N, C-alpha and C. Protein backbone atom coordinates (compact mmCIF):
# COMPACT_ATOMS: atom_id res chain seq x y z
N MET A 1 16.37 -23.33 33.55
CA MET A 1 16.31 -22.51 32.36
C MET A 1 15.01 -21.71 32.29
N TYR A 2 13.90 -22.36 32.67
CA TYR A 2 12.60 -21.69 32.61
C TYR A 2 12.56 -20.44 33.47
N PRO A 3 12.96 -20.48 34.76
CA PRO A 3 12.90 -19.26 35.57
C PRO A 3 13.76 -18.12 35.01
N THR A 4 14.92 -18.47 34.47
CA THR A 4 15.81 -17.45 33.91
C THR A 4 15.18 -16.81 32.68
N LEU A 5 14.69 -17.61 31.75
CA LEU A 5 14.04 -17.07 30.55
C LEU A 5 12.81 -16.25 30.91
N LEU A 6 12.05 -16.71 31.87
CA LEU A 6 10.85 -15.98 32.29
C LEU A 6 11.23 -14.63 32.90
N ALA A 7 12.30 -14.60 33.70
CA ALA A 7 12.75 -13.34 34.30
C ALA A 7 13.24 -12.38 33.21
N ILE A 8 13.97 -12.88 32.23
CA ILE A 8 14.45 -12.04 31.13
C ILE A 8 13.26 -11.53 30.32
N HIS A 9 12.31 -12.40 30.05
CA HIS A 9 11.10 -12.02 29.31
C HIS A 9 10.35 -10.92 30.06
N ASN A 10 10.32 -11.03 31.37
CA ASN A 10 9.65 -10.04 32.20
C ASN A 10 10.38 -8.69 32.16
N ILE A 11 11.69 -8.70 32.23
CA ILE A 11 12.46 -7.46 32.19
C ILE A 11 12.31 -6.77 30.83
N ILE A 12 12.41 -7.54 29.77
CA ILE A 12 12.33 -6.96 28.43
C ILE A 12 10.93 -6.39 28.18
N ARG A 13 9.93 -6.93 28.84
CA ARG A 13 8.57 -6.38 28.71
C ARG A 13 8.55 -4.89 29.01
N TRP A 14 9.27 -4.50 30.07
CA TRP A 14 9.28 -3.10 30.48
C TRP A 14 10.04 -2.23 29.47
N VAL A 15 11.06 -2.79 28.85
CA VAL A 15 11.79 -2.05 27.80
C VAL A 15 10.88 -1.84 26.60
N VAL A 16 10.15 -2.89 26.20
CA VAL A 16 9.22 -2.76 25.08
C VAL A 16 8.16 -1.71 25.39
N LEU A 17 7.54 -1.81 26.55
CA LEU A 17 6.51 -0.84 26.93
C LEU A 17 7.07 0.59 26.99
N GLY A 18 8.24 0.74 27.59
CA GLY A 18 8.85 2.07 27.69
C GLY A 18 9.17 2.66 26.33
N SER A 19 9.73 1.86 25.43
CA SER A 19 10.07 2.37 24.11
C SER A 19 8.82 2.69 23.30
N LEU A 20 7.78 1.90 23.44
CA LEU A 20 6.53 2.18 22.75
C LEU A 20 5.89 3.48 23.26
N VAL A 21 5.82 3.62 24.56
CA VAL A 21 5.24 4.84 25.14
C VAL A 21 6.06 6.06 24.72
N PHE A 22 7.38 5.94 24.78
CA PHE A 22 8.25 7.05 24.37
C PHE A 22 8.03 7.37 22.89
N GLY A 23 7.94 6.34 22.05
CA GLY A 23 7.71 6.56 20.62
C GLY A 23 6.37 7.22 20.34
N VAL A 24 5.35 6.82 21.06
CA VAL A 24 4.03 7.42 20.89
C VAL A 24 4.05 8.89 21.31
N PHE A 25 4.64 9.17 22.48
CA PHE A 25 4.66 10.56 22.96
C PHE A 25 5.52 11.46 22.08
N THR A 26 6.67 10.97 21.64
CA THR A 26 7.50 11.82 20.78
C THR A 26 6.85 12.03 19.41
N SER A 27 6.07 11.06 18.96
CA SER A 27 5.35 11.23 17.69
C SER A 27 4.24 12.27 17.83
N VAL A 28 3.51 12.24 18.93
CA VAL A 28 2.49 13.25 19.18
C VAL A 28 3.14 14.63 19.26
N GLU A 29 4.22 14.71 20.01
CA GLU A 29 4.93 15.98 20.15
C GLU A 29 5.46 16.46 18.80
N GLY A 30 6.00 15.55 18.01
CA GLY A 30 6.52 15.92 16.69
C GLY A 30 5.44 16.41 15.75
N LEU A 31 4.28 15.77 15.81
CA LEU A 31 3.16 16.22 14.98
C LEU A 31 2.63 17.58 15.42
N LEU A 32 2.52 17.77 16.72
CA LEU A 32 1.96 19.03 17.23
C LEU A 32 2.89 20.22 17.03
N THR A 33 4.19 19.99 17.19
CA THR A 33 5.14 21.09 17.05
C THR A 33 5.70 21.22 15.64
N LYS A 34 5.37 20.24 14.79
CA LYS A 34 5.84 20.23 13.39
C LYS A 34 7.36 20.25 13.29
N ARG A 35 8.00 19.57 14.21
CA ARG A 35 9.46 19.52 14.19
C ARG A 35 9.95 18.44 13.22
N ASP A 36 11.25 18.44 12.98
CA ASP A 36 11.85 17.45 12.10
C ASP A 36 11.90 16.09 12.79
N TYR A 37 11.87 15.04 11.98
CA TYR A 37 12.05 13.67 12.45
C TYR A 37 13.56 13.48 12.64
N THR A 38 13.99 13.41 13.89
CA THR A 38 15.42 13.44 14.20
C THR A 38 16.03 12.05 14.34
N ARG A 39 17.32 12.06 14.58
CA ARG A 39 18.07 10.81 14.81
C ARG A 39 17.51 10.08 16.05
N VAL A 40 17.12 10.82 17.06
CA VAL A 40 16.53 10.21 18.26
C VAL A 40 15.25 9.46 17.89
N ASP A 41 14.44 10.04 17.03
CA ASP A 41 13.21 9.38 16.59
C ASP A 41 13.53 8.09 15.82
N MET A 42 14.56 8.14 14.97
CA MET A 42 14.97 6.95 14.23
C MET A 42 15.50 5.87 15.16
N ILE A 43 16.28 6.27 16.15
CA ILE A 43 16.83 5.31 17.12
C ILE A 43 15.70 4.70 17.94
N THR A 44 14.75 5.52 18.37
CA THR A 44 13.61 5.02 19.13
C THR A 44 12.83 3.99 18.32
N ARG A 45 12.58 4.31 17.05
CA ARG A 45 11.88 3.39 16.16
C ARG A 45 12.65 2.07 16.04
N GLY A 46 13.96 2.16 15.85
CA GLY A 46 14.78 0.96 15.71
C GLY A 46 14.85 0.12 16.97
N ILE A 47 15.02 0.79 18.11
CA ILE A 47 15.07 0.07 19.40
C ILE A 47 13.74 -0.61 19.68
N THR A 48 12.66 0.11 19.45
CA THR A 48 11.34 -0.47 19.70
C THR A 48 11.13 -1.71 18.84
N SER A 49 11.46 -1.61 17.59
CA SER A 49 11.30 -2.75 16.68
C SER A 49 12.22 -3.91 17.09
N GLY A 50 13.47 -3.60 17.35
CA GLY A 50 14.43 -4.65 17.70
C GLY A 50 14.12 -5.35 19.00
N VAL A 51 13.80 -4.58 20.02
CA VAL A 51 13.54 -5.18 21.33
C VAL A 51 12.22 -5.96 21.32
N SER A 52 11.26 -5.51 20.52
CA SER A 52 10.00 -6.27 20.43
C SER A 52 10.22 -7.61 19.74
N HIS A 53 11.11 -7.63 18.74
CA HIS A 53 11.43 -8.90 18.08
C HIS A 53 12.18 -9.85 19.03
N LEU A 54 13.09 -9.30 19.82
CA LEU A 54 13.80 -10.11 20.81
C LEU A 54 12.81 -10.68 21.82
N GLN A 55 11.89 -9.85 22.27
CA GLN A 55 10.88 -10.28 23.24
C GLN A 55 10.02 -11.41 22.65
N LEU A 56 9.64 -11.25 21.40
CA LEU A 56 8.84 -12.28 20.74
C LEU A 56 9.63 -13.58 20.63
N LEU A 57 10.90 -13.50 20.29
CA LEU A 57 11.73 -14.70 20.17
C LEU A 57 11.82 -15.44 21.51
N ILE A 58 12.05 -14.70 22.58
CA ILE A 58 12.09 -15.33 23.91
C ILE A 58 10.73 -15.90 24.27
N GLY A 59 9.67 -15.16 23.97
CA GLY A 59 8.31 -15.65 24.25
C GLY A 59 8.00 -16.93 23.49
N LEU A 60 8.39 -16.99 22.23
CA LEU A 60 8.15 -18.20 21.45
C LEU A 60 8.96 -19.38 21.98
N LEU A 61 10.18 -19.10 22.44
CA LEU A 61 10.98 -20.16 23.06
C LEU A 61 10.30 -20.66 24.32
N LEU A 62 9.80 -19.75 25.14
CA LEU A 62 9.06 -20.15 26.33
C LEU A 62 7.83 -20.97 25.96
N TYR A 63 7.10 -20.48 24.98
CA TYR A 63 5.85 -21.12 24.56
C TYR A 63 6.09 -22.53 24.04
N ALA A 64 7.07 -22.67 23.17
CA ALA A 64 7.25 -23.94 22.46
C ALA A 64 8.03 -24.99 23.21
N SER A 65 8.85 -24.59 24.19
CA SER A 65 9.72 -25.62 24.73
C SER A 65 9.82 -25.71 26.25
N VAL A 66 9.81 -24.60 26.95
CA VAL A 66 10.15 -24.72 28.37
C VAL A 66 9.05 -24.34 29.35
N SER A 67 7.99 -23.70 28.92
CA SER A 67 6.96 -23.27 29.86
C SER A 67 6.05 -24.44 30.25
N PRO A 68 5.93 -24.72 31.53
CA PRO A 68 5.01 -25.78 31.94
C PRO A 68 3.55 -25.41 31.68
N ILE A 69 3.26 -24.13 31.68
CA ILE A 69 1.88 -23.68 31.43
C ILE A 69 1.47 -24.00 30.00
N THR A 70 2.31 -23.60 29.05
CA THR A 70 1.94 -23.86 27.65
C THR A 70 2.10 -25.33 27.29
N LYS A 71 3.02 -26.04 27.93
CA LYS A 71 3.12 -27.49 27.70
C LYS A 71 1.80 -28.16 28.09
N SER A 72 1.27 -27.77 29.23
CA SER A 72 0.00 -28.32 29.68
C SER A 72 -1.12 -27.96 28.71
N PHE A 73 -1.13 -26.71 28.25
CA PHE A 73 -2.15 -26.28 27.29
C PHE A 73 -2.05 -27.08 25.99
N LEU A 74 -0.84 -27.23 25.46
CA LEU A 74 -0.65 -27.93 24.19
C LEU A 74 -0.99 -29.42 24.29
N GLN A 75 -0.79 -30.01 25.46
CA GLN A 75 -1.09 -31.42 25.64
C GLN A 75 -2.56 -31.69 25.96
N ASN A 76 -3.17 -30.81 26.76
CA ASN A 76 -4.51 -31.10 27.28
C ASN A 76 -5.58 -30.07 26.91
N GLY A 77 -5.20 -28.96 26.31
CA GLY A 77 -6.16 -27.89 26.06
C GLY A 77 -6.39 -27.09 27.33
N ALA A 78 -7.31 -26.17 27.29
CA ALA A 78 -7.55 -25.29 28.44
C ALA A 78 -8.36 -25.98 29.53
N GLN A 79 -9.29 -26.85 29.17
CA GLN A 79 -10.12 -27.59 30.13
C GLN A 79 -10.71 -26.69 31.22
N GLY A 80 -11.23 -25.52 30.83
CA GLY A 80 -11.87 -24.63 31.78
C GLY A 80 -10.91 -23.80 32.61
N ASN A 81 -9.62 -23.93 32.38
CA ASN A 81 -8.63 -23.18 33.13
C ASN A 81 -8.35 -21.87 32.39
N ASP A 82 -8.75 -20.75 32.98
CA ASP A 82 -8.61 -19.45 32.33
C ASP A 82 -7.16 -19.06 32.08
N GLN A 83 -6.25 -19.41 33.00
CA GLN A 83 -4.84 -19.08 32.81
C GLN A 83 -4.25 -19.85 31.64
N LEU A 84 -4.61 -21.12 31.52
CA LEU A 84 -4.12 -21.91 30.38
C LEU A 84 -4.64 -21.33 29.07
N LEU A 85 -5.89 -20.95 29.06
CA LEU A 85 -6.47 -20.35 27.86
C LEU A 85 -5.80 -19.01 27.54
N PHE A 86 -5.57 -18.20 28.56
CA PHE A 86 -4.93 -16.91 28.37
C PHE A 86 -3.54 -17.07 27.75
N PHE A 87 -2.69 -17.90 28.35
CA PHE A 87 -1.33 -18.05 27.85
C PHE A 87 -1.28 -18.89 26.58
N GLY A 88 -2.14 -19.88 26.48
CA GLY A 88 -2.12 -20.76 25.32
C GLY A 88 -2.65 -20.12 24.05
N VAL A 89 -3.57 -19.18 24.19
CA VAL A 89 -4.19 -18.59 23.00
C VAL A 89 -3.99 -17.07 22.96
N TRP A 90 -4.62 -16.35 23.89
CA TRP A 90 -4.68 -14.90 23.78
C TRP A 90 -3.31 -14.23 23.87
N HIS A 91 -2.53 -14.55 24.88
CA HIS A 91 -1.23 -13.90 25.07
C HIS A 91 -0.34 -14.11 23.85
N ALA A 92 -0.24 -15.33 23.40
CA ALA A 92 0.62 -15.63 22.25
C ALA A 92 0.14 -14.94 20.98
N ALA A 93 -1.13 -15.06 20.68
CA ALA A 93 -1.67 -14.47 19.44
C ALA A 93 -1.58 -12.94 19.46
N ALA A 94 -1.92 -12.35 20.58
CA ALA A 94 -1.90 -10.88 20.67
C ALA A 94 -0.47 -10.34 20.59
N MET A 95 0.47 -11.02 21.20
CA MET A 95 1.85 -10.53 21.16
C MET A 95 2.46 -10.68 19.76
N ILE A 96 2.12 -11.75 19.08
CA ILE A 96 2.57 -11.88 17.68
C ILE A 96 1.97 -10.76 16.86
N LEU A 97 0.69 -10.50 17.03
CA LEU A 97 0.03 -9.41 16.31
C LEU A 97 0.69 -8.07 16.63
N ALA A 98 0.99 -7.81 17.89
CA ALA A 98 1.60 -6.55 18.29
C ALA A 98 2.96 -6.35 17.62
N VAL A 99 3.76 -7.40 17.57
CA VAL A 99 5.08 -7.28 16.93
C VAL A 99 4.93 -7.06 15.43
N VAL A 100 3.95 -7.69 14.82
CA VAL A 100 3.68 -7.45 13.39
C VAL A 100 3.29 -5.98 13.19
N LEU A 101 2.44 -5.45 14.05
CA LEU A 101 2.02 -4.05 13.94
C LEU A 101 3.20 -3.09 14.14
N ILE A 102 4.07 -3.39 15.09
CA ILE A 102 5.26 -2.57 15.32
C ILE A 102 6.15 -2.59 14.08
N THR A 103 6.33 -3.77 13.52
CA THR A 103 7.17 -3.92 12.33
C THR A 103 6.61 -3.15 11.15
N ILE A 104 5.31 -3.25 10.94
CA ILE A 104 4.67 -2.52 9.85
C ILE A 104 4.83 -1.02 10.06
N GLY A 105 4.56 -0.55 11.27
CA GLY A 105 4.69 0.87 11.56
C GLY A 105 6.11 1.38 11.38
N ALA A 106 7.09 0.62 11.84
CA ALA A 106 8.48 1.03 11.69
C ALA A 106 8.88 1.08 10.22
N ALA A 107 8.42 0.11 9.44
CA ALA A 107 8.75 0.08 8.01
C ALA A 107 8.09 1.24 7.26
N ILE A 108 6.84 1.52 7.57
CA ILE A 108 6.15 2.64 6.92
C ILE A 108 6.83 3.96 7.29
N ALA A 109 7.15 4.13 8.57
CA ALA A 109 7.80 5.37 9.02
C ALA A 109 9.17 5.52 8.37
N LYS A 110 9.90 4.45 8.26
CA LYS A 110 11.24 4.50 7.66
C LYS A 110 11.18 4.94 6.20
N ARG A 111 10.15 4.51 5.49
CA ARG A 111 10.04 4.79 4.06
C ARG A 111 9.22 6.04 3.74
N ALA A 112 8.61 6.64 4.75
CA ALA A 112 7.76 7.81 4.51
C ALA A 112 8.58 8.97 3.93
N SER A 113 7.92 9.74 3.10
CA SER A 113 8.62 10.81 2.39
C SER A 113 8.73 12.12 3.17
N THR A 114 7.87 12.33 4.14
CA THR A 114 7.92 13.57 4.93
C THR A 114 7.99 13.24 6.41
N ASP A 115 8.47 14.21 7.18
CA ASP A 115 8.55 14.02 8.63
C ASP A 115 7.16 13.82 9.24
N ARG A 116 6.18 14.55 8.75
CA ARG A 116 4.81 14.42 9.25
C ARG A 116 4.30 12.99 9.05
N LYS A 117 4.54 12.42 7.88
CA LYS A 117 4.11 11.05 7.60
C LYS A 117 4.85 10.04 8.48
N LYS A 118 6.11 10.32 8.77
CA LYS A 118 6.88 9.44 9.66
C LYS A 118 6.29 9.44 11.07
N PHE A 119 6.04 10.64 11.58
CA PHE A 119 5.44 10.75 12.91
C PHE A 119 4.06 10.11 12.96
N LYS A 120 3.27 10.34 11.92
CA LYS A 120 1.92 9.81 11.87
C LYS A 120 1.93 8.28 11.84
N ALA A 121 2.79 7.69 11.02
CA ALA A 121 2.89 6.23 10.95
C ALA A 121 3.33 5.65 12.28
N THR A 122 4.35 6.27 12.87
CA THR A 122 4.83 5.78 14.16
C THR A 122 3.74 5.87 15.22
N LEU A 123 3.07 6.99 15.27
CA LEU A 123 2.01 7.19 16.26
C LEU A 123 0.90 6.16 16.10
N ILE A 124 0.37 6.02 14.92
CA ILE A 124 -0.78 5.12 14.70
C ILE A 124 -0.41 3.68 15.00
N TRP A 125 0.64 3.18 14.37
CA TRP A 125 0.98 1.77 14.49
C TRP A 125 1.51 1.40 15.87
N PHE A 126 2.32 2.27 16.47
CA PHE A 126 2.84 2.00 17.80
C PHE A 126 1.73 2.10 18.85
N ALA A 127 0.82 3.04 18.70
CA ALA A 127 -0.28 3.18 19.67
C ALA A 127 -1.20 1.96 19.61
N ILE A 128 -1.52 1.50 18.42
CA ILE A 128 -2.36 0.30 18.30
C ILE A 128 -1.66 -0.90 18.92
N SER A 129 -0.39 -1.06 18.62
CA SER A 129 0.34 -2.21 19.18
C SER A 129 0.45 -2.09 20.70
N LEU A 130 0.60 -0.88 21.21
CA LEU A 130 0.64 -0.69 22.66
C LEU A 130 -0.66 -1.13 23.31
N LEU A 131 -1.79 -0.79 22.70
CA LEU A 131 -3.08 -1.22 23.23
C LEU A 131 -3.23 -2.74 23.19
N VAL A 132 -2.77 -3.35 22.11
CA VAL A 132 -2.82 -4.82 22.01
C VAL A 132 -1.97 -5.44 23.11
N ILE A 133 -0.77 -4.92 23.29
CA ILE A 133 0.13 -5.45 24.32
C ILE A 133 -0.47 -5.28 25.72
N LEU A 134 -1.01 -4.11 26.00
CA LEU A 134 -1.60 -3.87 27.32
C LEU A 134 -2.75 -4.82 27.60
N SER A 135 -3.48 -5.20 26.55
CA SER A 135 -4.59 -6.13 26.74
C SER A 135 -4.13 -7.57 26.95
N ALA A 136 -2.89 -7.85 26.58
CA ALA A 136 -2.41 -9.24 26.65
C ALA A 136 -1.31 -9.46 27.68
N ILE A 137 -0.97 -8.44 28.45
CA ILE A 137 -0.01 -8.63 29.53
C ILE A 137 -0.71 -9.36 30.67
N PRO A 138 -0.05 -10.35 31.25
CA PRO A 138 -0.66 -11.05 32.38
C PRO A 138 -0.55 -10.22 33.66
N TRP A 139 -1.48 -9.29 33.82
CA TRP A 139 -1.45 -8.38 34.96
C TRP A 139 -1.65 -9.10 36.29
N PHE A 140 -2.13 -10.34 36.24
CA PHE A 140 -2.35 -11.12 37.46
C PHE A 140 -1.07 -11.81 37.92
N ARG A 141 0.01 -11.68 37.17
CA ARG A 141 1.30 -12.27 37.54
C ARG A 141 2.18 -11.17 38.13
N PRO A 142 3.28 -11.54 38.80
CA PRO A 142 4.17 -10.52 39.39
C PRO A 142 4.71 -9.55 38.34
N PHE A 143 4.83 -8.27 38.71
CA PHE A 143 5.36 -7.26 37.79
C PHE A 143 6.85 -7.46 37.54
N PHE A 144 7.56 -7.96 38.54
CA PHE A 144 9.01 -8.23 38.40
C PHE A 144 9.28 -9.62 38.95
N ARG A 145 10.16 -10.33 38.27
CA ARG A 145 10.55 -11.67 38.70
C ARG A 145 12.04 -11.72 38.97
N ALA A 146 12.41 -12.50 39.95
CA ALA A 146 13.82 -12.69 40.27
C ALA A 146 14.40 -13.81 39.39
N PHE A 147 15.69 -13.78 39.24
CA PHE A 147 16.36 -14.83 38.44
C PHE A 147 16.45 -16.10 39.24
């Protein structure tokens, strides 16, 4: 179960990153060209929010029940092991924070009264969450995992 969940978590990471980057770029473009906030922008916002929540759910399942790395961290602490500290503390906390930021940004954009405010909210909150995610991705692990 662990290898399968980890592979799914890895694949969804790229969907989250892609949707965030797309949302940030379309928000910049929308602000610069002063275009309307379209159905594509709404769908991008919804997909980004939904897929990030799914990713968090899988990550929490990995963290709490099946990951040998976090099991070791929860039982013994980091004990000078940087990888245990990374996954046990930083990765989990930063990813929860990133999903909260995405959720806040999507909610603000959804309720904004003008297209400019929608683009601005999406840009700010998605860009901040993207930076948080990039800082907490385990770049020292494989980029793609097999099932």
